[in-house]
């Protein structure tokens, strides 16, 4: 009788561990392509999740940089076109007195 009472404080912890083991055992025994397993959400380890998040962030930054590059290239083309137009206008005005 005294042995049972001495172990009583440990019982809730043991029951919790048994429930945890039961869930783990069920997961490990589930066949990979069973209906039950296919219905479960995919499990990703924390390191893989962090890599995915970092990859997404890097792709977003690359996309933003590509947009900025396109804007700068467009500005360069606009400036070049304006410079050519100004040069041709200067050439035309220089040729008019010669005629």
N, C-alpha and C. Protein backbone atom coordinates (compact mmCIF):
# COMPACT_ATOMS: atom_id res chain seq x y z
N UNK A 1 0.83 -1.19 0.00
CA UNK A 1 0.00 0.00 0.00
C UNK A 1 0.86 1.25 0.00
N UNK A 2 1.94 1.25 0.79
CA UNK A 2 2.79 2.43 0.86
C UNK A 2 3.58 2.61 -0.44
N UNK A 3 3.87 1.53 -1.15
CA UNK A 3 4.57 1.60 -2.42
C UNK A 3 3.75 2.30 -3.49
N UNK A 4 2.45 2.06 -3.54
CA UNK A 4 1.56 2.70 -4.52
C UNK A 4 1.47 4.19 -4.23
N UNK A 5 1.33 4.55 -2.96
CA UNK A 5 1.23 5.96 -2.59
C UNK A 5 2.53 6.71 -2.88
N UNK A 6 3.64 6.05 -2.74
CA UNK A 6 4.94 6.69 -2.99
C UNK A 6 5.11 6.98 -4.47
N UNK A 7 4.52 6.15 -5.35
CA UNK A 7 4.65 6.35 -6.79
C UNK A 7 3.58 7.29 -7.35
N UNK A 8 2.57 7.58 -6.61
CA UNK A 8 1.44 8.38 -7.10
C UNK A 8 1.87 9.73 -7.68
N UNK A 9 2.80 10.49 -7.10
CA UNK A 9 3.18 11.78 -7.70
C UNK A 9 3.80 11.64 -9.09
N UNK A 10 4.35 10.49 -9.41
CA UNK A 10 4.97 10.28 -10.71
C UNK A 10 3.96 9.92 -11.80
N UNK A 11 2.77 9.50 -11.40
CA UNK A 11 1.79 8.98 -12.35
C UNK A 11 1.41 9.97 -13.45
N UNK A 12 1.10 11.25 -13.16
CA UNK A 12 0.72 12.16 -14.25
C UNK A 12 1.83 12.33 -15.29
N UNK A 13 3.05 12.37 -14.84
CA UNK A 13 4.17 12.50 -15.77
C UNK A 13 4.31 11.26 -16.64
N UNK A 14 4.12 10.10 -16.02
CA UNK A 14 4.20 8.85 -16.77
C UNK A 14 3.08 8.78 -17.80
N UNK A 15 1.86 9.17 -17.40
CA UNK A 15 0.73 9.14 -18.33
C UNK A 15 0.97 10.08 -19.52
N UNK A 16 1.53 11.22 -19.25
CA UNK A 16 1.83 12.18 -20.32
C UNK A 16 2.84 11.59 -21.29
N UNK A 17 3.87 10.96 -20.75
CA UNK A 17 4.88 10.34 -21.60
C UNK A 17 4.29 9.19 -22.42
N UNK A 18 3.36 8.44 -21.82
CA UNK A 18 2.72 7.34 -22.53
C UNK A 18 1.86 7.87 -23.69
N UNK A 19 1.16 8.97 -23.46
CA UNK A 19 0.35 9.57 -24.53
C UNK A 19 1.24 10.06 -25.67
N UNK A 20 2.36 10.68 -25.31
CA UNK A 20 3.31 11.16 -26.31
C UNK A 20 3.85 10.00 -27.13
N UNK A 21 4.19 8.91 -26.44
CA UNK A 21 4.69 7.73 -27.13
C UNK A 21 3.63 7.14 -28.05
N UNK A 22 2.38 7.14 -27.59
CA UNK A 22 1.30 6.57 -28.39
C UNK A 22 1.15 7.35 -29.71
N UNK A 23 1.23 8.67 -29.64
CA UNK A 23 1.13 9.50 -30.85
C UNK A 23 2.32 9.23 -31.76
N UNK A 24 3.50 9.19 -31.19
CA UNK A 24 4.72 8.94 -31.98
C UNK A 24 4.65 7.57 -32.64
N UNK A 25 4.20 6.57 -31.89
CA UNK A 25 4.10 5.22 -32.44
C UNK A 25 3.10 5.18 -33.59
N UNK A 26 1.98 5.88 -33.45
CA UNK A 26 0.97 5.90 -34.51
C UNK A 26 1.55 6.56 -35.77
N UNK A 27 2.30 7.64 -35.59
CA UNK A 27 2.90 8.33 -36.74
C UNK A 27 3.92 7.46 -37.45
N UNK A 28 4.73 6.74 -36.70
CA UNK A 28 5.76 5.92 -37.32
C UNK A 28 5.19 4.69 -38.00
N UNK A 29 4.06 4.22 -37.55
CA UNK A 29 3.45 3.04 -38.15
C UNK A 29 2.54 3.37 -39.32
N UNK A 30 2.25 4.64 -39.53
CA UNK A 30 1.40 5.04 -40.65
C UNK A 30 2.18 4.84 -41.94
N UNK A 31 1.60 4.12 -42.87
CA UNK A 31 2.26 3.87 -44.14
C UNK A 31 2.29 5.14 -44.96
N UNK A 32 3.37 5.36 -45.69
CA UNK A 32 3.60 6.63 -46.38
C UNK A 32 2.51 6.99 -47.37
N UNK A 33 1.96 6.02 -48.07
CA UNK A 33 0.98 6.34 -49.11
C UNK A 33 -0.43 5.91 -48.75
N UNK A 34 -0.70 5.74 -47.47
CA UNK A 34 -2.06 5.41 -47.05
C UNK A 34 -2.92 6.67 -47.12
N UNK A 35 -4.23 6.48 -47.12
CA UNK A 35 -5.14 7.64 -47.16
C UNK A 35 -4.90 8.54 -45.97
N UNK A 36 -4.65 7.95 -44.83
CA UNK A 36 -4.41 8.73 -43.62
C UNK A 36 -3.14 9.58 -43.75
N UNK A 37 -2.07 8.99 -44.25
CA UNK A 37 -0.81 9.71 -44.38
C UNK A 37 -0.89 10.79 -45.44
N UNK A 38 -1.60 10.51 -46.53
CA UNK A 38 -1.70 11.51 -47.60
C UNK A 38 -2.55 12.69 -47.17
N UNK A 39 -3.42 12.49 -46.21
CA UNK A 39 -4.26 13.58 -45.71
C UNK A 39 -3.57 14.45 -44.69
N UNK A 40 -2.46 14.00 -44.17
CA UNK A 40 -1.73 14.77 -43.16
C UNK A 40 -0.93 15.90 -43.81
N UNK A 41 -0.78 17.01 -43.11
CA UNK A 41 0.07 18.08 -43.66
C UNK A 41 1.52 17.64 -43.68
N UNK A 42 2.27 18.14 -44.64
CA UNK A 42 3.68 17.78 -44.76
C UNK A 42 4.46 18.35 -43.59
N UNK A 43 5.36 17.53 -43.07
CA UNK A 43 6.18 17.98 -41.94
C UNK A 43 7.52 18.46 -42.49
N UNK A 44 7.92 19.63 -42.06
CA UNK A 44 9.19 20.20 -42.49
C UNK A 44 10.01 20.46 -41.23
N UNK A 45 11.24 20.01 -41.26
CA UNK A 45 12.08 20.26 -40.09
C UNK A 45 12.42 21.74 -40.02
N UNK A 46 12.72 22.24 -38.84
CA UNK A 46 12.97 23.68 -38.66
C UNK A 46 14.09 24.23 -39.55
N UNK A 47 15.13 23.45 -39.75
CA UNK A 47 16.24 23.93 -40.58
C UNK A 47 15.79 24.09 -42.03
N UNK A 48 15.01 23.14 -42.53
CA UNK A 48 14.50 23.23 -43.90
C UNK A 48 13.52 24.40 -44.04
N UNK A 49 12.71 24.61 -43.02
CA UNK A 49 11.77 25.74 -43.04
C UNK A 49 12.54 27.05 -43.11
N UNK A 50 13.59 27.17 -42.32
CA UNK A 50 14.40 28.39 -42.32
C UNK A 50 15.06 28.60 -43.69
N UNK A 51 15.55 27.51 -44.31
CA UNK A 51 16.14 27.62 -45.64
C UNK A 51 15.10 28.09 -46.66
N UNK A 52 13.88 27.55 -46.56
CA UNK A 52 12.81 27.95 -47.48
C UNK A 52 12.49 29.43 -47.32
N UNK A 53 12.37 29.87 -46.07
CA UNK A 53 12.08 31.28 -45.82
C UNK A 53 13.20 32.18 -46.35
N UNK A 54 14.45 31.77 -46.14
CA UNK A 54 15.60 32.54 -46.62
C UNK A 54 15.60 32.57 -48.15
N UNK A 55 15.29 31.45 -48.77
CA UNK A 55 15.25 31.36 -50.24
C UNK A 55 14.17 32.30 -50.79
N UNK A 56 13.00 32.31 -50.16
CA UNK A 56 11.92 33.20 -50.59
C UNK A 56 12.33 34.66 -50.44
N UNK A 57 12.98 34.99 -49.31
CA UNK A 57 13.41 36.36 -49.08
C UNK A 57 14.43 36.78 -50.14
N UNK A 58 15.39 35.90 -50.41
CA UNK A 58 16.41 36.21 -51.42
C UNK A 58 15.77 36.40 -52.79
N UNK A 59 14.81 35.55 -53.15
CA UNK A 59 14.13 35.70 -54.44
C UNK A 59 13.38 37.02 -54.52
N UNK A 60 12.76 37.43 -53.42
CA UNK A 60 12.07 38.73 -53.40
C UNK A 60 13.06 39.87 -53.61
N UNK A 61 14.19 39.81 -52.93
CA UNK A 61 15.21 40.86 -53.06
C UNK A 61 15.74 40.89 -54.50
N UNK A 62 15.99 39.72 -55.08
CA UNK A 62 16.48 39.66 -56.46
C UNK A 62 15.47 40.27 -57.41
N UNK A 63 14.18 39.96 -57.20
CA UNK A 63 13.13 40.55 -58.05
C UNK A 63 13.12 42.07 -57.92
N UNK A 64 13.23 42.58 -56.70
CA UNK A 64 13.26 44.03 -56.49
C UNK A 64 14.46 44.66 -57.17
N UNK A 65 15.61 44.01 -57.08
CA UNK A 65 16.81 44.54 -57.72
C UNK A 65 16.67 44.53 -59.25
N UNK A 66 16.06 43.49 -59.80
CA UNK A 66 15.84 43.44 -61.24
C UNK A 66 14.92 44.57 -61.70
N UNK A 67 13.91 44.88 -60.91
CA UNK A 67 13.02 46.00 -61.24
C UNK A 67 13.81 47.30 -61.22
N UNK A 68 14.66 47.48 -60.23
CA UNK A 68 15.48 48.69 -60.15
C UNK A 68 16.44 48.79 -61.34
N UNK A 69 17.02 47.66 -61.72
CA UNK A 69 17.93 47.65 -62.88
C UNK A 69 17.17 48.07 -64.13
N UNK A 70 15.97 47.53 -64.31
CA UNK A 70 15.15 47.91 -65.48
C UNK A 70 14.84 49.40 -65.49
N UNK A 71 14.54 49.96 -64.32
CA UNK A 71 14.25 51.39 -64.24
C UNK A 71 15.48 52.22 -64.63
N UNK A 72 16.64 51.83 -64.11
CA UNK A 72 17.87 52.57 -64.40
C UNK A 72 18.21 52.47 -65.89
N UNK A 73 18.06 51.27 -66.45
CA UNK A 73 18.34 51.10 -67.88
C UNK A 73 17.39 51.94 -68.72
N UNK A 74 16.14 52.03 -68.31
CA UNK A 74 15.17 52.86 -69.02
C UNK A 74 15.57 54.33 -68.93
N UNK A 75 15.99 54.76 -67.75
CA UNK A 75 16.44 56.15 -67.59
C UNK A 75 17.65 56.44 -68.46
N UNK A 76 18.58 55.50 -68.54
CA UNK A 76 19.77 55.67 -69.37
C UNK A 76 19.38 55.82 -70.84
N UNK A 77 18.47 54.97 -71.31
CA UNK A 77 18.01 55.06 -72.70
C UNK A 77 17.32 56.40 -72.97
N UNK A 78 16.53 56.87 -72.02
CA UNK A 78 15.85 58.16 -72.18
C UNK A 78 16.87 59.29 -72.29
N UNK A 79 17.89 59.26 -71.43
CA UNK A 79 18.92 60.30 -71.46
C UNK A 79 19.70 60.24 -72.77
N UNK A 80 20.03 59.04 -73.23
CA UNK A 80 20.74 58.91 -74.50
C UNK A 80 19.91 59.47 -75.65
N UNK A 81 18.62 59.17 -75.65
CA UNK A 81 17.74 59.66 -76.71
C UNK A 81 17.66 61.19 -76.67
N UNK A 82 17.59 61.77 -75.47
CA UNK A 82 17.55 63.23 -75.35
C UNK A 82 18.84 63.84 -75.84
N UNK A 83 19.97 63.23 -75.52
CA UNK A 83 21.27 63.75 -75.95
C UNK A 83 21.40 63.69 -77.47
N UNK A 84 20.93 62.61 -78.10
CA UNK A 84 20.99 62.50 -79.56
C UNK A 84 20.11 63.56 -80.20
N UNK A 85 18.95 63.78 -79.62
CA UNK A 85 18.02 64.77 -80.15
C UNK A 85 18.63 66.16 -80.06
N UNK A 86 19.26 66.47 -78.93
CA UNK A 86 19.90 67.77 -78.76
C UNK A 86 21.06 67.94 -79.74
N UNK A 87 21.84 66.89 -79.96
CA UNK A 87 22.97 66.97 -80.89
C UNK A 87 22.47 67.20 -82.31
N UNK A 88 21.42 66.48 -82.69
CA UNK A 88 20.91 66.67 -84.06
C UNK A 88 20.34 68.07 -84.23
N UNK A 89 19.72 68.61 -83.22
CA UNK A 89 19.20 69.98 -83.28
C UNK A 89 20.36 70.97 -83.40
N UNK A 90 21.43 70.73 -82.65
CA UNK A 90 22.61 71.60 -82.73
C UNK A 90 23.24 71.52 -84.12
N UNK A 91 23.31 70.31 -84.70
CA UNK A 91 23.88 70.14 -86.03
C UNK A 91 23.03 70.85 -87.07
N UNK A 92 21.72 70.73 -86.95
CA UNK A 92 20.82 71.39 -87.90
C UNK A 92 20.98 72.90 -87.84
N UNK A 93 21.09 73.44 -86.63
CA UNK A 93 21.22 74.89 -86.51
C UNK A 93 22.60 75.35 -87.02
N UNK A 94 23.61 74.50 -86.92
CA UNK A 94 24.93 74.84 -87.42
C UNK A 94 24.96 74.79 -88.94
N UNK A 95 24.17 73.92 -89.56
CA UNK A 95 24.15 73.79 -91.01
C UNK A 95 23.31 74.87 -91.68
N UNK A 96 22.33 75.42 -91.03
CA UNK A 96 21.43 76.40 -91.63
C UNK A 96 22.21 77.62 -92.15
N UNK A 97 23.17 78.19 -91.41
CA UNK A 97 23.91 79.34 -91.95
C UNK A 97 24.73 78.97 -93.18
N UNK A 98 25.15 77.72 -93.30
CA UNK A 98 25.97 77.34 -94.45
C UNK A 98 25.14 77.29 -95.70
N UNK A 99 23.85 77.07 -95.61
CA UNK A 99 23.01 77.00 -96.79
C UNK A 99 22.77 78.38 -97.25
